[in-house]
Every structure is written in C-alpha cells, then in structure tokens.
N, C-alpha and C. Protein backbone atom coordinates (compact mmCIF):
# COMPACT_ATOMS: atom_id res chain seq x y z
N MET A 1 23.34 47.94 93.98
CA MET A 1 24.53 47.77 93.20
C MET A 1 24.16 47.43 91.71
N LEU A 2 24.72 48.16 90.81
CA LEU A 2 24.38 47.96 89.36
C LEU A 2 25.24 46.84 88.77
N THR A 3 24.58 45.98 88.11
CA THR A 3 25.26 44.93 87.42
C THR A 3 24.82 44.96 85.99
N ALA A 4 25.70 44.31 85.06
CA ALA A 4 25.28 44.50 83.63
C ALA A 4 23.89 43.77 83.30
N ASP A 5 23.41 42.83 84.01
CA ASP A 5 22.14 42.23 83.82
C ASP A 5 20.94 43.08 84.21
N LYS A 6 21.13 44.26 84.81
CA LYS A 6 20.13 45.26 85.14
C LYS A 6 20.11 46.32 84.13
N LEU A 7 21.00 46.38 83.03
CA LEU A 7 20.97 47.49 82.11
C LEU A 7 19.92 47.27 80.97
N PRO A 8 19.69 46.01 80.51
CA PRO A 8 18.74 45.94 79.35
C PRO A 8 17.39 46.50 79.71
N GLY A 9 16.86 47.34 78.82
CA GLY A 9 15.71 48.03 78.94
C GLY A 9 15.76 49.44 78.32
N LEU A 10 14.61 50.12 78.42
CA LEU A 10 14.57 51.45 77.87
C LEU A 10 14.88 52.51 79.11
N TRP A 11 15.89 53.34 78.70
CA TRP A 11 16.35 54.43 79.61
C TRP A 11 16.07 55.76 79.11
N GLN A 12 15.31 56.56 79.79
CA GLN A 12 15.05 57.91 79.38
C GLN A 12 16.02 58.81 79.89
N CYS A 13 16.62 59.61 79.14
CA CYS A 13 17.68 60.53 79.49
C CYS A 13 17.01 61.88 79.99
N TYR A 14 17.36 62.32 81.22
CA TYR A 14 16.89 63.58 81.79
C TYR A 14 17.43 64.70 80.86
N TYR A 15 16.75 65.56 80.50
CA TYR A 15 17.31 66.63 79.49
C TYR A 15 17.81 67.84 80.31
N PRO A 16 18.71 68.57 79.72
CA PRO A 16 19.42 68.19 78.55
C PRO A 16 20.55 67.26 78.78
N MET A 17 20.78 66.28 78.01
CA MET A 17 22.05 65.40 78.12
C MET A 17 22.80 65.62 76.76
N ILE A 18 23.65 66.68 76.87
CA ILE A 18 24.34 67.18 75.68
C ILE A 18 25.79 66.47 75.85
N VAL A 19 26.12 65.65 74.81
CA VAL A 19 27.46 64.98 74.82
C VAL A 19 28.16 65.42 73.58
N GLY A 20 29.11 66.17 73.65
CA GLY A 20 29.78 66.64 72.33
C GLY A 20 28.84 67.43 71.61
N ASP A 21 28.60 67.02 70.38
CA ASP A 21 27.70 67.72 69.52
C ASP A 21 26.39 67.13 69.30
N VAL A 22 25.97 66.23 70.18
CA VAL A 22 24.64 65.60 70.17
C VAL A 22 23.94 65.70 71.49
N GLU A 23 22.64 65.55 71.55
CA GLU A 23 21.88 65.43 72.71
C GLU A 23 21.14 63.99 72.65
N PHE A 24 21.54 63.34 73.79
CA PHE A 24 20.81 61.95 73.95
C PHE A 24 19.49 62.28 74.41
N LYS A 25 18.51 61.41 73.83
CA LYS A 25 17.07 61.43 74.34
C LYS A 25 16.65 60.29 75.10
N GLU A 26 17.01 59.09 74.62
CA GLU A 26 16.86 57.84 75.22
C GLU A 26 17.70 56.78 74.73
N VAL A 27 17.90 55.67 75.53
CA VAL A 27 18.73 54.65 75.14
C VAL A 27 18.02 53.30 75.38
N ARG A 28 17.96 52.58 74.26
CA ARG A 28 17.31 51.26 74.53
C ARG A 28 18.51 50.18 74.48
N VAL A 29 18.79 49.62 75.65
CA VAL A 29 19.91 48.64 75.84
C VAL A 29 19.32 47.27 75.73
N PHE A 30 19.95 46.55 74.84
CA PHE A 30 19.49 45.08 74.57
C PHE A 30 20.46 44.13 75.24
N SER A 31 20.09 42.95 75.59
CA SER A 31 20.88 41.98 76.32
C SER A 31 21.75 41.39 75.40
N ASN A 32 21.82 41.62 74.10
CA ASN A 32 22.73 40.96 73.12
C ASN A 32 23.92 41.78 72.83
N GLY A 33 24.21 42.80 73.77
CA GLY A 33 25.32 43.59 73.57
C GLY A 33 25.16 44.86 72.68
N LYS A 34 24.02 45.09 72.12
CA LYS A 34 23.69 46.16 71.28
C LYS A 34 22.83 47.19 71.99
N ALA A 35 22.84 48.46 71.65
CA ALA A 35 22.04 49.49 72.14
C ALA A 35 21.67 50.45 71.05
N ASP A 36 20.36 50.83 71.05
CA ASP A 36 19.95 52.01 70.15
C ASP A 36 19.83 53.22 70.88
N ILE A 37 20.53 54.27 70.56
CA ILE A 37 20.62 55.59 71.12
C ILE A 37 19.79 56.51 70.27
N ILE A 38 18.78 57.15 70.81
CA ILE A 38 18.01 58.15 70.14
C ILE A 38 18.54 59.45 70.43
N MET A 39 18.95 60.11 69.45
CA MET A 39 19.67 61.42 69.62
C MET A 39 19.29 62.49 68.69
N GLU A 40 19.75 63.73 68.92
CA GLU A 40 19.48 64.75 67.97
C GLU A 40 20.81 65.63 67.95
N ASN A 41 21.14 66.06 66.74
CA ASN A 41 22.27 66.97 66.58
C ASN A 41 21.95 68.26 67.20
N LEU A 42 23.01 68.88 67.87
CA LEU A 42 22.71 70.27 68.43
C LEU A 42 22.08 71.23 67.34
N GLY A 43 21.18 71.94 67.61
CA GLY A 43 20.54 72.80 66.62
C GLY A 43 19.73 72.08 65.59
N GLY A 44 19.53 70.80 65.61
CA GLY A 44 18.74 70.04 64.69
C GLY A 44 17.30 70.07 65.18
N SER A 45 16.38 69.54 64.34
CA SER A 45 15.02 69.41 64.59
C SER A 45 14.45 68.02 64.49
N ALA A 46 15.23 66.93 64.29
CA ALA A 46 14.84 65.66 64.02
C ALA A 46 15.69 64.71 64.91
N TYR A 47 14.90 63.78 65.62
CA TYR A 47 15.56 62.73 66.41
C TYR A 47 16.01 61.60 65.32
N TYR A 48 17.07 60.82 65.67
CA TYR A 48 17.44 59.76 64.93
C TYR A 48 18.01 58.60 65.83
N ALA A 49 18.14 57.50 65.29
CA ALA A 49 18.67 56.34 66.13
C ALA A 49 19.96 55.90 65.59
N GLU A 50 20.82 55.58 66.42
CA GLU A 50 22.13 54.91 66.06
C GLU A 50 22.37 53.69 66.91
N THR A 51 22.78 52.56 66.31
CA THR A 51 22.98 51.31 67.01
C THR A 51 24.53 51.26 67.38
N PHE A 52 24.77 50.88 68.59
CA PHE A 52 26.04 50.86 69.22
C PHE A 52 26.21 49.46 69.92
N ALA A 53 27.47 49.12 70.00
CA ALA A 53 27.78 47.96 70.97
C ALA A 53 28.07 48.59 72.33
N TRP A 54 27.51 47.90 73.47
CA TRP A 54 27.65 48.45 74.74
C TRP A 54 28.54 47.45 75.64
N ARG A 55 29.12 47.95 76.62
CA ARG A 55 29.89 47.20 77.66
C ARG A 55 29.75 47.95 78.96
N TYR A 56 29.64 47.17 79.93
CA TYR A 56 29.72 47.67 81.38
C TYR A 56 30.70 46.82 82.12
N ASP A 57 31.67 47.52 82.74
CA ASP A 57 32.80 46.78 83.38
C ASP A 57 32.76 46.90 84.86
N GLY A 58 31.69 47.49 85.37
CA GLY A 58 31.55 47.67 86.81
C GLY A 58 31.80 49.08 87.32
N ARG A 59 32.41 49.81 86.31
CA ARG A 59 32.73 51.27 86.67
C ARG A 59 32.31 52.17 85.49
N TYR A 60 32.56 51.70 84.28
CA TYR A 60 32.24 52.59 83.05
C TYR A 60 31.20 51.85 82.16
N LEU A 61 30.29 52.61 81.71
CA LEU A 61 29.36 52.14 80.64
C LEU A 61 29.81 52.73 79.30
N THR A 62 30.23 51.92 78.29
CA THR A 62 30.84 52.33 77.19
C THR A 62 29.96 51.83 75.86
N PHE A 63 29.78 52.86 74.94
CA PHE A 63 29.12 52.52 73.69
C PHE A 63 29.99 52.87 72.61
N THR A 64 30.15 51.89 71.74
CA THR A 64 31.10 52.05 70.53
C THR A 64 30.36 51.72 69.30
N LYS A 65 30.77 52.61 68.23
CA LYS A 65 30.24 52.23 66.85
C LYS A 65 31.35 52.82 65.90
N GLY A 66 32.13 51.94 65.32
CA GLY A 66 33.29 52.38 64.52
C GLY A 66 34.22 53.27 65.36
N ARG A 67 34.55 54.44 64.96
CA ARG A 67 35.37 55.29 65.69
C ARG A 67 34.72 56.15 66.84
N THR A 68 33.45 56.08 66.85
CA THR A 68 32.61 56.84 67.83
C THR A 68 32.49 56.06 69.07
N VAL A 69 32.88 56.65 70.17
CA VAL A 69 32.91 56.12 71.48
C VAL A 69 32.37 57.05 72.48
N TYR A 70 31.34 56.61 73.22
CA TYR A 70 30.74 57.39 74.36
C TYR A 70 30.97 56.55 75.61
N GLN A 71 31.69 57.11 76.49
CA GLN A 71 32.08 56.46 77.72
C GLN A 71 31.59 57.21 78.96
N PHE A 72 30.91 56.56 79.77
CA PHE A 72 30.36 57.26 80.99
C PHE A 72 30.73 56.49 82.28
N GLN A 73 31.19 57.27 83.15
CA GLN A 73 31.58 56.59 84.50
C GLN A 73 30.11 56.59 85.27
N VAL A 74 29.90 55.45 85.78
CA VAL A 74 28.66 55.28 86.62
C VAL A 74 29.00 55.69 87.99
N THR A 75 28.32 56.73 88.43
CA THR A 75 28.61 57.32 89.73
C THR A 75 27.49 56.81 90.73
N GLY A 76 26.50 56.26 90.35
CA GLY A 76 25.45 55.82 91.29
C GLY A 76 24.32 55.13 90.60
N PHE A 77 23.57 54.37 91.39
CA PHE A 77 22.41 53.69 90.76
C PHE A 77 21.42 53.55 92.09
N LEU A 78 20.30 54.17 91.96
CA LEU A 78 19.21 54.02 92.90
C LEU A 78 17.91 53.81 92.00
N SER A 79 17.49 52.54 91.95
CA SER A 79 16.46 52.27 90.99
C SER A 79 15.25 53.19 91.29
N PRO A 80 14.72 53.74 90.19
CA PRO A 80 14.89 53.43 88.76
C PRO A 80 15.90 54.38 88.14
N GLU A 81 16.71 55.15 88.81
CA GLU A 81 17.52 56.07 88.30
C GLU A 81 19.13 55.68 88.23
N LEU A 82 19.76 55.86 87.15
CA LEU A 82 21.20 55.69 87.01
C LEU A 82 21.96 57.02 86.76
N TYR A 83 22.98 57.22 87.58
CA TYR A 83 23.77 58.44 87.56
C TYR A 83 25.14 58.22 86.86
N LEU A 84 25.36 59.14 85.92
CA LEU A 84 26.49 59.00 85.02
C LEU A 84 27.30 60.31 84.92
N ARG A 85 28.52 60.20 84.55
CA ARG A 85 29.30 61.48 84.20
C ARG A 85 30.39 61.20 83.20
N ASP A 86 30.79 62.29 82.48
CA ASP A 86 31.89 62.20 81.59
C ASP A 86 32.44 63.56 81.62
N SER A 87 33.29 63.83 80.63
CA SER A 87 34.01 65.07 80.56
C SER A 87 33.08 66.37 80.19
N PHE A 88 31.97 66.03 79.67
CA PHE A 88 30.88 67.02 79.24
C PHE A 88 29.93 67.42 80.44
N GLY A 89 29.79 66.48 81.41
CA GLY A 89 28.84 66.86 82.51
C GLY A 89 28.37 65.53 83.31
N ARG A 90 27.33 65.74 84.04
CA ARG A 90 26.62 64.76 84.83
C ARG A 90 25.26 64.56 84.31
N TYR A 91 24.87 63.32 84.33
CA TYR A 91 23.53 62.91 83.81
C TYR A 91 22.82 61.95 84.57
N THR A 92 21.44 61.94 84.46
CA THR A 92 20.69 61.04 85.00
C THR A 92 19.78 60.37 84.01
N TRP A 93 19.70 58.97 84.13
CA TRP A 93 18.79 58.28 83.20
C TRP A 93 17.75 57.60 84.05
N ALA A 94 16.51 57.49 83.67
CA ALA A 94 15.37 56.78 84.21
C ALA A 94 15.04 55.62 83.57
N TYR A 95 14.92 54.45 84.28
CA TYR A 95 14.59 53.23 83.80
C TYR A 95 13.10 53.23 83.54
N ARG A 96 12.65 52.73 82.27
CA ARG A 96 11.26 52.74 81.86
C ARG A 96 10.69 51.43 81.71
N LEU A 97 11.28 50.57 80.84
CA LEU A 97 10.66 49.22 80.71
C LEU A 97 11.75 48.22 80.24
N THR A 98 11.40 46.86 80.33
CA THR A 98 12.30 45.88 79.92
C THR A 98 11.88 45.18 78.64
N GLU A 99 10.65 44.96 78.44
CA GLU A 99 10.09 44.25 77.21
C GLU A 99 10.76 44.75 76.01
N ASP A 100 10.87 43.82 75.00
CA ASP A 100 11.44 43.99 73.83
C ASP A 100 13.07 44.13 73.83
N CYS A 101 13.62 44.19 74.98
CA CYS A 101 15.07 44.48 75.01
C CYS A 101 15.80 43.21 75.34
N ILE A 102 15.12 42.18 75.65
CA ILE A 102 15.79 40.96 75.95
C ILE A 102 15.90 40.11 74.59
N LYS A 103 16.99 40.02 74.04
CA LYS A 103 17.18 39.35 72.79
C LYS A 103 18.34 38.37 72.86
C-alpha cells in the first residue's frame, strides 16, 4: 500500500511519459511538499526542471505550480514501481533513491 511517506525520493519515469505538451523524465519528490520535475518540451532538445508543490490523498498524486496542475491517479504500487494514469495515458515510475530528498 502506498502512503505519502513512501513518496520522497527520486523517481525515474519510464519513457515515453508524455503529458500534454511535455515529456516527464524524472521526478524528485521532497518530504517538505515540494517536487522537482525534470521534463522536456515535445520536439525540444534540452531538459529543464520545474519546482511544484505535491500532494497525495490516497488516490491521486497532484503537482501544482501556479495554474499548471498535473494530476495522476495512482493505480498500483509494487515496490520499486509506481503505476499512474491520467487522461493522456498510463505510466510507470521506478523508485531510485531517498538521500537528499528528506528536507
């Protein structure tokens, strides 16, 4: 069973994880409610990071920054993999490490 305290750490997104007009590469979730999402614009050639607030309510994992909201339904968790979906598709994230994410 997934709980919010299991989320802090580095999650690698299995490719391709295309959400709207960006591709997620990895997500670094911090215990202080912030998350850095490494992404790339579709057709782009450079990765960049955006910092979001995150929340997990037991069913949805939501990232917000201003008017930008990414919300994923958690459909499963079998360590080290997290299974998500939204209106764009189904995704798998792999847990990689915890250090530096506990703040």
